[in-house]
Amino acid sequence: MAYDLEKRLVIGLASSALFDLSQSHQVFLEQGEAAYRDYQLAREHDPLKPGVAFSFIRRLLALNDLSPDDPLVEVVLLSRNDPNTGLRVMNSIRHHELDITRAVFLQGGDPNPYIQPLSISLFLSASQDDVHRAVQQGYPAGQVLNSSYEDAYDDQPIRVAFDFDGVIADDESERVYQQEGGLPAFFEHEVRLVQKPHNPGLLQAFLKKLAHIQTVEQQHREQNADYVPRLRISIVTARNAPAHERVINTMRSWGIEVNEAFFLGGIEKRRVLEVLQPHIFFDDQTTHLIPTALTLPSVHIPFGVVNHPRTDEVEPEKKKSRKKTQPKPK
């Protein structure tokens, strides 16, 4: 029987998201592909150090103990390495005791065409180019940003934090803010459509799979009174009242309940996130992510009008006269 991916949470990972490849990448940049190949082959049995997404992936895979015979989570390595140089990555996976057994090695090829066939709900890479191309093609992808974060391995729960607009919802409201008059137009729009759910964003399907795992955890708790659920989901957004209500109504319509929601109204997200300490945080604006990446794993979702302004929507003669509006923090 074929291994069914549809019902599982499938994460696609570039090796650059899972491990610290900074040294080997420097060899590639300075000395070229042949030197890079020799460098990796000579260090085939030297384990790579954990990268930005390592902590998140390790904890996510640990949730498979809820259903050992029918795993809830599958992680597939999608690597631009060839099979020979990729062996160091697989050896490192084994060294760190990660339950990752499926891999695709593409010898420099594009990983994006394999996202949909492998039912991937989230593709993570340190490559800005790969992620931008994936997002432009409508795939759920994020760029992990460099971070000095160090995991506390005795910290058992897994905390996942999301921005809302442009991440788990589309950028409809952001477009109103950008193109129709800033915060007054944004608030009027959200109040008027308060009962209308937002359209899903790139990471909505990923969030729904996480919510399913939380349901399994609750079922497990009903059967095992001592079990403490490990997966916690938070929304951290710069929306505030009255724009908060449409977020809650949208989540209800999707059948998703989150553990925490922070409606910050422009307060710097870093202040809250450093207390919350998520093992991964997703946002579509680098202005929020640059401060957070200093201390916690942060992922840029380069989606929507903030990342790809559509200047073609403005008539040429009006471009110079239109008042510029700064991106609304989300």
C-alpha atoms as a PDB file:
ATOM      1  CA  MET A   1       0.000   0.000   0.000  1.00  0.00           C
ATOM      2  CA  ALA A   2       1.301   3.463  -0.907  1.00  0.00           C
ATOM      3  CA  TYR A   3       2.296   5.785   1.921  1.00  0.00           C
ATOM      4  CA  ASP A   4      -0.531   8.349   2.128  1.00  0.00           C
ATOM      5  CA  LEU A   5       0.706  11.913   2.605  1.00  0.00           C
ATOM      6  CA  GLU A   6      -2.629  13.711   2.283  1.00  0.00           C
ATOM      7  CA  LYS A   7      -3.818  13.167   5.849  1.00  0.00           C
ATOM      8  CA  ARG A   8      -0.476  14.082   7.455  1.00  0.00           C
ATOM      9  CA  LEU A   9       1.246  17.363   8.142  1.00  0.00           C
ATOM     10  CA  VAL A  10       4.079  17.341   5.598  1.00  0.00           C
ATOM     11  CA  ILE A  11       6.989  19.754   5.955  1.00  0.00           C
ATOM     12  CA  GLY A  12       9.461  20.219   3.122  1.00  0.00           C
ATOM     13  CA  LEU A  13      12.917  21.273   4.245  1.00  0.00           C
ATOM     14  CA  ALA A  14      15.964  22.547   2.457  1.00  0.00           C
ATOM     15  CA  SER A  15      19.116  21.422   4.243  1.00  0.00           C
ATOM     16  CA  SER A  16      19.915  25.115   4.753  1.00  0.00           C
ATOM     17  CA  ALA A  17      16.863  25.443   7.030  1.00  0.00           C
ATOM     18  CA  LEU A  18      17.640  22.370   9.123  1.00  0.00           C
ATOM     19  CA  PHE A  19      21.411  22.750   9.539  1.00  0.00           C
ATOM     20  CA  ASP A  20      24.011  25.487   9.726  1.00  0.00           C
ATOM     21  CA  LEU A  21      25.597  25.414   6.273  1.00  0.00           C
ATOM     22  CA  SER A  22      27.296  28.790   6.527  1.00  0.00           C
ATOM     23  CA  GLN A  23      30.848  27.409   6.232  1.00  0.00           C
ATOM     24  CA  SER A  24      30.148  25.101   3.315  1.00  0.00           C
ATOM     25  CA  HIS A  25      28.151  27.820   1.558  1.00  0.00           C
ATOM     26  CA  GLN A  26      31.123  30.165   1.922  1.00  0.00           C
ATOM     27  CA  VAL A  27      33.307  27.544   0.258  1.00  0.00           C
ATOM     28  CA  PHE A  28      30.820  27.359  -2.603  1.00  0.00           C
ATOM     29  CA  LEU A  29      30.767  31.151  -3.033  1.00  0.00           C
ATOM     30  CA  GLU A  30      34.534  31.640  -2.843  1.00  0.00           C
ATOM     31  CA  GLN A  31      35.853  28.492  -4.529  1.00  0.00           C
ATOM     32  CA  GLY A  32      33.059  27.130  -6.674  1.00  0.00           C
ATOM     33  CA  GLU A  33      31.034  23.944  -7.024  1.00  0.00           C
ATOM     34  CA  ALA A  34      33.943  21.505  -7.358  1.00  0.00           C
ATOM     35  CA  ALA A  35      35.586  22.749  -4.147  1.00  0.00           C
ATOM     36  CA  TYR A  36      32.223  22.617  -2.373  1.00  0.00           C
ATOM     37  CA  ARG A  37      31.773  19.025  -3.460  1.00  0.00           C
ATOM     38  CA  ASP A  38      35.235  18.059  -2.220  1.00  0.00           C
ATOM     39  CA  TYR A  39      34.605  19.912   1.048  1.00  0.00           C
ATOM     40  CA  GLN A  40      31.391  18.006   1.747  1.00  0.00           C
ATOM     41  CA  LEU A  41      32.776  14.631   0.750  1.00  0.00           C
ATOM     42  CA  ALA A  42      35.822  15.083   2.978  1.00  0.00           C
ATOM     43  CA  ARG A  43      33.510  15.855   5.915  1.00  0.00           C
ATOM     44  CA  GLU A  44      30.882  13.272   5.125  1.00  0.00           C
ATOM     45  CA  HIS A  45      30.953  11.891   8.675  1.00  0.00           C
ATOM     46  CA  ASP A  46      31.270  15.252  10.444  1.00  0.00           C
ATOM     47  CA  PRO A  47      27.809  16.145  11.792  1.00  0.00           C
ATOM     48  CA  LEU A  48      26.439  19.517  10.821  1.00  0.00           C
ATOM     49  CA  LYS A  49      25.361  21.866  13.589  1.00  0.00           C
ATOM     50  CA  PRO A  50      21.644  22.593  14.071  1.00  0.00           C
ATOM     51  CA  GLY A  51      20.199  25.393  11.957  1.00  0.00           C
ATOM     52  CA  VAL A  52      17.358  27.843  12.507  1.00  0.00           C
ATOM     53  CA  ALA A  53      14.456  25.396  11.986  1.00  0.00           C
ATOM     54  CA  PHE A  54      16.093  22.476  13.802  1.00  0.00           C
ATOM     55  CA  SER A  55      14.388  23.069  17.152  1.00  0.00           C
ATOM     56  CA  PHE A  56      10.966  23.421  15.561  1.00  0.00           C
ATOM     57  CA  ILE A  57      11.379  20.282  13.446  1.00  0.00           C
ATOM     58  CA  ARG A  58      12.728  18.176  16.310  1.00  0.00           C
ATOM     59  CA  ARG A  59       9.754  19.043  18.497  1.00  0.00           C
ATOM     60  CA  LEU A  60       7.245  18.618  15.700  1.00  0.00           C
ATOM     61  CA  LEU A  61       8.510  15.123  14.926  1.00  0.00           C
ATOM     62  CA  ALA A  62       8.290  14.229  18.612  1.00  0.00           C
ATOM     63  CA  LEU A  63       4.500  14.560  18.345  1.00  0.00           C
ATOM     64  CA  ASN A  64       4.478  11.352  16.309  1.00  0.00           C
ATOM     65  CA  ASP A  65       4.555   9.446  19.600  1.00  0.00           C
ATOM     66  CA  LEU A  66       0.812  10.165  19.709  1.00  0.00           C
ATOM     67  CA  SER A  67       0.355   7.786  16.782  1.00  0.00           C
ATOM     68  CA  PRO A  68       3.535   5.727  16.235  1.00  0.00           C
ATOM     69  CA  ASP A  69       1.959   3.367  13.688  1.00  0.00           C
ATOM     70  CA  ASP A  70       0.362   6.165  11.675  1.00  0.00           C
ATOM     71  CA  PRO A  71       2.572   9.261  12.049  1.00  0.00           C
ATOM     72  CA  LEU A  72       0.918  12.660  12.192  1.00  0.00           C
ATOM     73  CA  VAL A  73       3.984  14.504  10.861  1.00  0.00           C
ATOM     74  CA  GLU A  74       6.216  13.766   7.893  1.00  0.00           C
ATOM     75  CA  VAL A  75       9.332  15.750   7.042  1.00  0.00           C
ATOM     76  CA  VAL A  76      10.840  15.477   3.564  1.00  0.00           C
ATOM     77  CA  LEU A  77      14.279  16.854   2.750  1.00  0.00           C
ATOM     78  CA  LEU A  78      14.226  18.847  -0.510  1.00  0.00           C
ATOM     79  CA  SER A  79      17.867  19.536  -1.273  1.00  0.00           C
ATOM     80  CA  ARG A  80      19.780  21.175  -4.103  1.00  0.00           C
ATOM     81  CA  ASN A  81      22.702  18.893  -3.237  1.00  0.00           C
ATOM     82  CA  ASP A  82      23.417  15.878  -5.388  1.00  0.00           C
ATOM     83  CA  PRO A  83      23.082  12.465  -3.707  1.00  0.00           C
ATOM     84  CA  ASN A  84      26.843  12.263  -2.994  1.00  0.00           C
ATOM     85  CA  THR A  85      27.211  15.617  -1.253  1.00  0.00           C
ATOM     86  CA  GLY A  86      23.776  15.166   0.322  1.00  0.00           C
ATOM     87  CA  LEU A  87      24.998  12.123   2.208  1.00  0.00           C
ATOM     88  CA  ARG A  88      26.556  14.414   4.824  1.00  0.00           C
ATOM     89  CA  VAL A  89      23.117  15.893   5.484  1.00  0.00           C
ATOM     90  CA  MET A  90      21.548  12.455   5.886  1.00  0.00           C
ATOM     91  CA  ASN A  91      24.378  11.377   8.187  1.00  0.00           C
ATOM     92  CA  SER A  92      23.794  14.505  10.251  1.00  0.00           C
ATOM     93  CA  ILE A  93      20.086  13.714  10.465  1.00  0.00           C
ATOM     94  CA  ARG A  94      20.947  10.278  11.820  1.00  0.00           C
ATOM     95  CA  HIS A  95      23.519  11.739  14.234  1.00  0.00           C
ATOM     96  CA  HIS A  96      20.915  14.101  15.714  1.00  0.00           C
ATOM     97  CA  GLU A  97      18.361  11.266  15.875  1.00  0.00           C
ATOM     98  CA  LEU A  98      15.762  13.013  13.742  1.00  0.00           C
ATOM     99  CA  ASP A  99      13.101  10.769  12.281  1.00  0.00           C
ATOM    100  CA  ILE A 100      13.557  11.992   8.713  1.00  0.00           C
ATOM    101  CA  THR A 101      13.845   9.170   6.202  1.00  0.00           C
ATOM    102  CA  ARG A 102      12.577  10.670   2.958  1.00  0.00           C
ATOM    103  CA  ALA A 103      14.762  12.919   0.829  1.00  0.00           C
ATOM    104  CA  VAL A 104      14.952  14.420  -2.651  1.00  0.00           C
ATOM    105  CA  PHE A 105      18.390  15.445  -4.013  1.00  0.00           C
ATOM    106  CA  LEU A 106      18.236  17.620  -7.111  1.00  0.00           C
ATOM    107  CA  GLN A 107      21.858  18.510  -8.010  1.00  0.00           C
ATOM    108  CA  GLY A 108      21.065  22.213  -8.223  1.00  0.00           C
ATOM    109  CA  GLY A 109      17.544  21.706  -9.555  1.00  0.00           C
ATOM    110  CA  ASP A 110      14.482  23.663  -8.508  1.00  0.00           C
ATOM    111  CA  PRO A 111      12.679  22.099  -5.502  1.00  0.00           C
ATOM    112  CA  ASN A 112       9.419  23.984  -6.035  1.00  0.00           C
ATOM    113  CA  PRO A 113       7.759  21.618  -8.565  1.00  0.00           C
ATOM    114  CA  TYR A 114       7.829  18.881  -5.931  1.00  0.00           C
ATOM    115  CA  ILE A 115       5.936  20.836  -3.254  1.00  0.00           C
ATOM    116  CA  GLN A 116       2.461  19.969  -4.499  1.00  0.00           C
ATOM    117  CA  PRO A 117       3.082  16.305  -5.471  1.00  0.00           C
ATOM    118  CA  LEU A 118       4.497  15.659  -1.995  1.00  0.00           C
ATOM    119  CA  SER A 119       1.481  17.331  -0.305  1.00  0.00           C
ATOM    120  CA  ILE A 120       3.773  19.793   1.456  1.00  0.00           C
ATOM    121  CA  SER A 121       1.947  22.255   3.715  1.00  0.00           C
ATOM    122  CA  LEU A 122       5.090  24.272   4.462  1.00  0.00           C
ATOM    123  CA  PHE A 123       8.417  24.526   2.654  1.00  0.00           C
ATOM    124  CA  LEU A 124      11.298  26.107   4.578  1.00  0.00           C
ATOM    125  CA  SER A 125      14.586  27.245   3.094  1.00  0.00           C
ATOM    126  CA  ALA A 126      17.304  29.782   3.785  1.00  0.00           C
ATOM    127  CA  SER A 127      17.344  30.597   0.060  1.00  0.00           C
ATOM    128  CA  GLN A 128      15.525  33.841  -0.599  1.00  0.00           C
ATOM    129  CA  ASP A 129      15.335  33.119  -4.329  1.00  0.00           C
ATOM    130  CA  ASP A 130      13.802  29.659  -3.887  1.00  0.00           C
ATOM    131  CA  VAL A 131      11.221  30.925  -1.416  1.00  0.00           C
ATOM    132  CA  HIS A 132      10.244  33.952  -3.519  1.00  0.00           C
ATOM    133  CA  ARG A 133       9.747  31.765  -6.573  1.00  0.00           C
ATOM    134  CA  ALA A 134       7.661  29.295  -4.571  1.00  0.00           C
ATOM    135  CA  VAL A 135       5.423  32.029  -3.164  1.00  0.00           C
ATOM    136  CA  GLN A 136       4.971  33.598  -6.593  1.00  0.00           C
ATOM    137  CA  GLN A 137       3.741  30.194  -7.760  1.00  0.00           C
ATOM    138  CA  GLY A 138       1.264  30.031  -4.874  1.00  0.00           C
ATOM    139  CA  TYR A 139       3.142  27.526  -2.725  1.00  0.00           C
ATOM    140  CA  PRO A 140       3.316  27.765   1.096  1.00  0.00           C
ATOM    141  CA  ALA A 141       6.961  28.684   1.577  1.00  0.00           C
ATOM    142  CA  GLY A 142       9.025  30.686   4.027  1.00  0.00           C
ATOM    143  CA  GLN A 143      12.595  31.900   4.296  1.00  0.00           C
ATOM    144  CA  VAL A 144      14.299  31.137   7.602  1.00  0.00           C
ATOM    145  CA  LEU A 145      16.366  34.120   8.705  1.00  0.00           C
ATOM    146  CA  ASN A 146      19.775  33.970  10.341  1.00  0.00           C
ATOM    147  CA  SER A 147      19.484  33.800  14.097  1.00  0.00           C
ATOM    148  CA  SER A 148      21.681  33.389  17.170  1.00  0.00           C
ATOM    149  CA  TYR A 149      18.893  31.434  18.876  1.00  0.00           C
ATOM    150  CA  GLU A 150      20.001  28.502  21.033  1.00  0.00           C
ATOM    151  CA  ASP A 151      17.507  25.826  21.937  1.00  0.00           C
ATOM    152  CA  ALA A 152      16.806  24.847  25.542  1.00  0.00           C
ATOM    153  CA  TYR A 153      16.412  21.117  25.028  1.00  0.00           C
ATOM    154  CA  ASP A 154      14.609  20.592  28.346  1.00  0.00           C
ATOM    155  CA  ASP A 155      11.850  22.926  27.156  1.00  0.00           C
ATOM    156  CA  GLN A 156       9.325  20.332  25.987  1.00  0.00           C
ATOM    157  CA  PRO A 157       6.306  22.195  24.537  1.00  0.00           C
ATOM    158  CA  ILE A 158       6.315  23.374  20.936  1.00  0.00           C
ATOM    159  CA  ARG A 159       5.128  26.943  20.462  1.00  0.00           C
ATOM    160  CA  VAL A 160       4.233  28.209  16.988  1.00  0.00           C
ATOM    161  CA  ALA A 161       3.384  31.882  16.427  1.00  0.00           C
ATOM    162  CA  PHE A 162       1.805  33.457  13.351  1.00  0.00           C
ATOM    163  CA  ASP A 163       1.145  36.929  12.106  1.00  0.00           C
ATOM    164  CA  PHE A 164      -2.369  37.069  10.620  1.00  0.00           C
ATOM    165  CA  ASP A 165      -2.628  39.231   7.468  1.00  0.00           C
ATOM    166  CA  GLY A 166      -0.514  37.969   4.586  1.00  0.00           C
ATOM    167  CA  VAL A 167       0.359  34.761   6.431  1.00  0.00           C
ATOM    168  CA  ILE A 168      -2.653  32.686   7.519  1.00  0.00           C
ATOM    169  CA  ALA A 169      -5.083  35.060   5.785  1.00  0.00           C
ATOM    170  CA  ASP A 170      -4.620  36.792   2.443  1.00  0.00           C
ATOM    171  CA  ASP A 171      -3.638  40.451   2.116  1.00  0.00           C
ATOM    172  CA  GLU A 172      -7.085  41.832   1.231  1.00  0.00           C
ATOM    173  CA  SER A 173      -7.149  44.127   4.264  1.00  0.00           C
ATOM    174  CA  GLU A 174      -3.556  45.206   3.787  1.00  0.00           C
ATOM    175  CA  ARG A 175      -4.437  46.305   0.261  1.00  0.00           C
ATOM    176  CA  VAL A 176      -7.243  48.437   1.657  1.00  0.00           C
ATOM    177  CA  TYR A 177      -4.776  50.034   4.055  1.00  0.00           C
ATOM    178  CA  GLN A 178      -2.185  50.619   1.343  1.00  0.00           C
ATOM    179  CA  GLN A 179      -4.442  51.806  -1.442  1.00  0.00           C
ATOM    180  CA  GLU A 180      -7.564  53.324   0.122  1.00  0.00           C
ATOM    181  CA  GLY A 181      -6.488  55.626   2.931  1.00  0.00           C
ATOM    182  CA  GLY A 182      -4.575  54.052   5.786  1.00  0.00           C
ATOM    183  CA  LEU A 183      -5.999  53.071   9.179  1.00  0.00           C
ATOM    184  CA  PRO A 184      -9.410  54.814   8.920  1.00  0.00           C
ATOM    185  CA  ALA A 185     -10.203  52.933   5.698  1.00  0.00           C
ATOM    186  CA  PHE A 186      -8.779  49.716   7.150  1.00  0.00           C
ATOM    187  CA  PHE A 187     -10.930  49.881  10.306  1.00  0.00           C
ATOM    188  CA  GLU A 188     -14.057  50.813   8.316  1.00  0.00           C
ATOM    189  CA  HIS A 189     -13.450  47.863   5.996  1.00  0.00           C
ATOM    190  CA  GLU A 190     -12.976  45.392   8.857  1.00  0.00           C
ATOM    191  CA  VAL A 191     -16.048  46.571  10.776  1.00  0.00           C
ATOM    192  CA  ARG A 192     -18.216  46.468   7.663  1.00  0.00           C
ATOM    193  CA  LEU A 193     -17.076  42.921   6.824  1.00  0.00           C
ATOM    194  CA  VAL A 194     -16.772  41.687  10.391  1.00  0.00           C
ATOM    195  CA  GLN A 195     -18.940  38.608   9.719  1.00  0.00           C
ATOM    196  CA  LYS A 196     -17.230  37.733   6.429  1.00  0.00           C
ATOM    197  CA  PRO A 197     -14.306  35.328   6.904  1.00  0.00           C
ATOM    198  CA  HIS A 198     -11.014  36.256   5.325  1.00  0.00           C
ATOM    199  CA  ASN A 199      -9.787  34.271   2.365  1.00  0.00           C
ATOM    200  CA  PRO A 200      -7.088  31.748   3.322  1.00  0.00           C
ATOM    201  CA  GLY A 201      -3.456  32.794   3.118  1.00  0.00           C
ATOM    202  CA  LEU A 202      -0.508  30.644   2.128  1.00  0.00           C
ATOM    203  CA  LEU A 203      -0.110  29.091   5.584  1.00  0.00           C
ATOM    204  CA  GLN A 204      -3.769  28.444   6.374  1.00  0.00           C
ATOM    205  CA  ALA A 205      -3.562  24.780   5.382  1.00  0.00           C
ATOM    206  CA  PHE A 206      -0.449  24.382   7.545  1.00  0.00           C
ATOM    207  CA  LEU A 207      -2.293  25.956  10.470  1.00  0.00           C
ATOM    208  CA  LYS A 208      -5.263  23.601   9.958  1.00  0.00           C
ATOM    209  CA  LYS A 209      -2.954  20.581  10.075  1.00  0.00           C
ATOM    210  CA  LEU A 210      -1.460  21.876  13.323  1.00  0.00           C
ATOM    211  CA  ALA A 211      -4.974  22.353  14.706  1.00  0.00           C
ATOM    212  CA  HIS A 212      -5.761  18.733  13.824  1.00  0.00           C
ATOM    213  CA  ILE A 213      -2.750  17.607  15.856  1.00  0.00           C
ATOM    214  CA  GLN A 214      -4.077  19.644  18.777  1.00  0.00           C
ATOM    215  CA  THR A 215      -7.382  17.766  18.454  1.00  0.00           C
ATOM    216  CA  VAL A 216      -5.499  14.471  18.614  1.00  0.00           C
ATOM    217  CA  GLU A 217      -3.707  15.733  21.710  1.00  0.00           C
ATOM    218  CA  GLN A 218      -7.019  16.577  23.382  1.00  0.00           C
ATOM    219  CA  GLN A 219      -8.340  13.100  22.592  1.00  0.00           C
ATOM    220  CA  HIS A 220      -5.174  11.627  24.047  1.00  0.00           C
ATOM    221  CA  ARG A 221      -5.647  13.703  27.189  1.00  0.00           C
ATOM    222  CA  GLU A 222      -9.187  12.400  27.634  1.00  0.00           C
ATOM    223  CA  GLN A 223      -7.765   8.886  27.696  1.00  0.00           C
ATOM    224  CA  ASN A 224      -4.661   9.739  29.733  1.00  0.00           C
ATOM    225  CA  ALA A 225      -5.329  12.181  32.557  1.00  0.00           C
ATOM    226  CA  ASP A 226      -1.614  12.801  33.133  1.00  0.00           C
ATOM    227  CA  TYR A 227      -0.931  13.871  29.551  1.00  0.00           C
ATOM    228  CA  VAL A 228      -0.117  17.555  29.087  1.00  0.00           C
ATOM    229  CA  PRO A 229      -0.665  18.878  25.523  1.00  0.00           C
ATOM    230  CA  ARG A 230       2.599  20.050  23.987  1.00  0.00           C
ATOM    231  CA  LEU A 231       1.561  22.045  20.914  1.00  0.00           C
ATOM    232  CA  ARG A 232       0.546  25.666  21.454  1.00  0.00           C
ATOM    233  CA  ILE A 233      -0.473  28.048  18.671  1.00  0.00           C
ATOM    234  CA  SER A 234      -0.491  31.837  18.914  1.00  0.00           C
ATOM    235  CA  ILE A 235      -1.472  34.757  16.704  1.00  0.00           C
ATOM    236  CA  VAL A 236       0.640  37.879  17.155  1.00  0.00           C
ATOM    237  CA  THR A 237      -0.744  40.765  15.134  1.00  0.00           C
ATOM    238  CA  ALA A 238      -0.607  44.547  15.221  1.00  0.00           C
ATOM    239  CA  ARG A 239      -4.353  44.636  14.637  1.00  0.00           C
ATOM    240  CA  ASN A 240      -6.351  45.958  17.556  1.00  0.00           C
ATOM    241  CA  ALA A 241     -10.025  46.705  18.280  1.00  0.00           C
ATOM    242  CA  PRO A 242     -12.229  47.013  16.347  1.00  0.00           C
ATOM    243  CA  ALA A 243     -10.295  44.958  13.746  1.00  0.00           C
ATOM    244  CA  HIS A 244      -9.788  42.047  16.157  1.00  0.00           C
ATOM    245  CA  GLU A 245     -13.314  40.676  15.794  1.00  0.00           C
ATOM    246  CA  ARG A 246     -13.023  39.673  12.146  1.00  0.00           C
ATOM    247  CA  VAL A 247      -9.896  37.678  12.981  1.00  0.00           C
ATOM    248  CA  ILE A 248     -11.786  35.718  15.636  1.00  0.00           C
ATOM    249  CA  ASN A 249     -14.769  35.161  13.351  1.00  0.00           C
ATOM    250  CA  THR A 250     -12.467  33.968  10.588  1.00  0.00           C
ATOM    251  CA  MET A 251     -10.789  31.435  12.866  1.00  0.00           C
ATOM    252  CA  ARG A 252     -14.201  30.191  13.996  1.00  0.00           C
ATOM    253  CA  SER A 253     -15.311  29.720  10.394  1.00  0.00           C
ATOM    254  CA  TRP A 254     -12.208  27.616   9.766  1.00  0.00           C
ATOM    255  CA  GLY A 255     -12.865  25.510  12.867  1.00  0.00           C
ATOM    256  CA  ILE A 256      -9.573  26.555  14.439  1.00  0.00           C
ATOM    257  CA  GLU A 257      -8.986  27.598  18.039  1.00  0.00           C
ATOM    258  CA  VAL A 258      -5.633  29.109  18.971  1.00  0.00           C
ATOM    259  CA  ASN A 259      -4.179  29.148  22.469  1.00  0.00           C
ATOM    260  CA  GLU A 260      -3.214  32.820  22.537  1.00  0.00           C
ATOM    261  CA  ALA A 261      -3.950  35.897  20.483  1.00  0.00           C
ATOM    262  CA  PHE A 262      -2.108  39.196  20.860  1.00  0.00           C
ATOM    263  CA  PHE A 263      -3.790  42.240  19.290  1.00  0.00           C
ATOM    264  CA  LEU A 264      -0.990  44.719  19.781  1.00  0.00           C
ATOM    265  CA  GLY A 265      -2.133  47.819  17.904  1.00  0.00           C
ATOM    266  CA  GLY A 266       1.351  48.743  16.732  1.00  0.00           C
ATOM    267  CA  ILE A 267       3.271  47.754  19.885  1.00  0.00           C
ATOM    268  CA  GLU A 268       6.561  46.186  18.831  1.00  0.00           C
ATOM    269  CA  LYS A 269       6.000  42.447  18.430  1.00  0.00           C
ATOM    270  CA  ARG A 270       9.461  41.614  19.732  1.00  0.00           C
ATOM    271  CA  ARG A 271       8.396  42.678  23.245  1.00  0.00           C
ATOM    272  CA  VAL A 272       5.721  39.985  23.376  1.00  0.00           C
ATOM    273  CA  LEU A 273       7.593  37.336  21.427  1.00  0.00           C
ATOM    274  CA  GLU A 274      10.600  37.426  23.730  1.00  0.00           C
ATOM    275  CA  VAL A 275       8.254  36.467  26.556  1.00  0.00           C
ATOM    276  CA  LEU A 276       6.243  33.960  24.521  1.00  0.00           C
ATOM    277  CA  GLN A 277       9.446  32.361  23.148  1.00  0.00           C
ATOM    278  CA  PRO A 278       7.956  30.545  20.147  1.00  0.00           C
ATOM    279  CA  HIS A 279      10.078  27.881  18.512  1.00  0.00           C
ATOM    280  CA  ILE A 280       9.146  29.461  15.206  1.00  0.00           C
ATOM    281  CA  PHE A 281       7.459  32.732  14.197  1.00  0.00           C
ATOM    282  CA  PHE A 282       5.972  33.544  10.783  1.00  0.00           C
ATOM    283  CA  ASP A 283       5.465  37.086   9.487  1.00  0.00           C
ATOM    284  CA  ASP A 284       5.230  38.716   6.072  1.00  0.00           C
ATOM    285  CA  GLN A 285       7.101  41.885   7.026  1.00  0.00           C
ATOM    286  CA  THR A 286      10.853  41.954   7.533  1.00  0.00           C
ATOM    287  CA  THR A 287      10.491  45.091   9.657  1.00  0.00           C
ATOM    288  CA  HIS A 288       9.067  42.830  12.379  1.00  0.00           C
ATOM    289  CA  LEU A 289      11.317  39.877  11.688  1.00  0.00           C
ATOM    290  CA  ILE A 290      14.722  41.567  11.771  1.00  0.00           C
ATOM    291  CA  PRO A 291      14.393  42.370  15.510  1.00  0.00           C
ATOM    292  CA  THR A 292      12.868  38.986  16.412  1.00  0.00           C
ATOM    293  CA  ALA A 293      15.435  36.956  14.449  1.00  0.00           C
ATOM    294  CA  LEU A 294      18.120  38.094  16.874  1.00  0.00           C
ATOM    295  CA  THR A 295      16.684  35.911  19.627  1.00  0.00           C
ATOM    296  CA  LEU A 296      14.217  33.411  18.145  1.00  0.00           C
ATOM    297  CA  PRO A 297      13.647  31.400  14.934  1.00  0.00           C
ATOM    298  CA  SER A 298      11.897  33.707  12.486  1.00  0.00           C
ATOM    299  CA  VAL A 299      10.496  33.000   9.027  1.00  0.00           C
ATOM    300  CA  HIS A 300       9.654  35.513   6.314  1.00  0.00           C
ATOM    301  CA  ILE A 301       6.582  34.803   4.171  1.00  0.00           C
ATOM    302  CA  PRO A 302       7.196  37.094   1.156  1.00  0.00           C
ATOM    303  CA  PHE A 303       3.551  37.350   0.151  1.00  0.00           C
ATOM    304  CA  GLY A 304       1.208  40.161  -0.741  1.00  0.00           C
ATOM    305  CA  VAL A 305       1.244  43.865  -1.414  1.00  0.00           C
ATOM    306  CA  VAL A 306       3.864  44.646   1.241  1.00  0.00           C
ATOM    307  CA  ASN A 307       6.379  42.409  -0.528  1.00  0.00           C
ATOM    308  CA  HIS A 308       5.179  42.788  -4.118  1.00  0.00           C
ATOM    309  CA  PRO A 309       3.518  46.205  -4.610  1.00  0.00           C
ATOM    310  CA  ARG A 310       1.338  46.249  -7.711  1.00  0.00           C
ATOM    311  CA  THR A 311       2.214  49.609  -9.250  1.00  0.00           C
ATOM    312  CA  ASP A 312       0.324  48.599 -12.375  1.00  0.00           C
ATOM    313  CA  GLU A 313      -2.899  49.234 -10.461  1.00  0.00           C
ATOM    314  CA  VAL A 314      -2.130  52.982 -10.366  1.00  0.00           C
ATOM    315  CA  GLU A 315      -2.617  55.046 -13.497  1.00  0.00           C
ATOM    316  CA  PRO A 316       0.743  56.509 -14.653  1.00  0.00           C
ATOM    317  CA  GLU A 317      -0.303  60.134 -14.299  1.00  0.00           C
ATOM    318  CA  LYS A 318      -1.412  59.523 -10.702  1.00  0.00           C
ATOM    319  CA  LYS A 319       1.697  57.720  -9.502  1.00  0.00           C
ATOM    320  CA  LYS A 320       3.573  60.898  -8.558  1.00  0.00           C
ATOM    321  CA  SER A 321       0.618  62.598  -6.895  1.00  0.00           C
ATOM    322  CA  ARG A 322      -0.622  59.671  -4.801  1.00  0.00           C
ATOM    323  CA  LYS A 323       0.336  60.072  -1.166  1.00  0.00           C
ATOM    324  CA  LYS A 324       2.641  57.322   0.000  1.00  0.00           C
ATOM    325  CA  THR A 325       1.411  55.160   2.849  1.00  0.00           C
ATOM    326  CA  GLN A 326       3.792  53.223   5.080  1.00  0.00           C
ATOM    327  CA  PRO A 327       3.086  49.503   5.549  1.00  0.00           C
ATOM    328  CA  LYS A 328       0.698  48.828   8.400  1.00  0.00           C
ATOM    329  CA  PRO A 329       2.455  46.704  11.040  1.00  0.00           C
ATOM    330  CA  LYS A 330       0.783  43.309  11.206  1.00  0.00           C
END
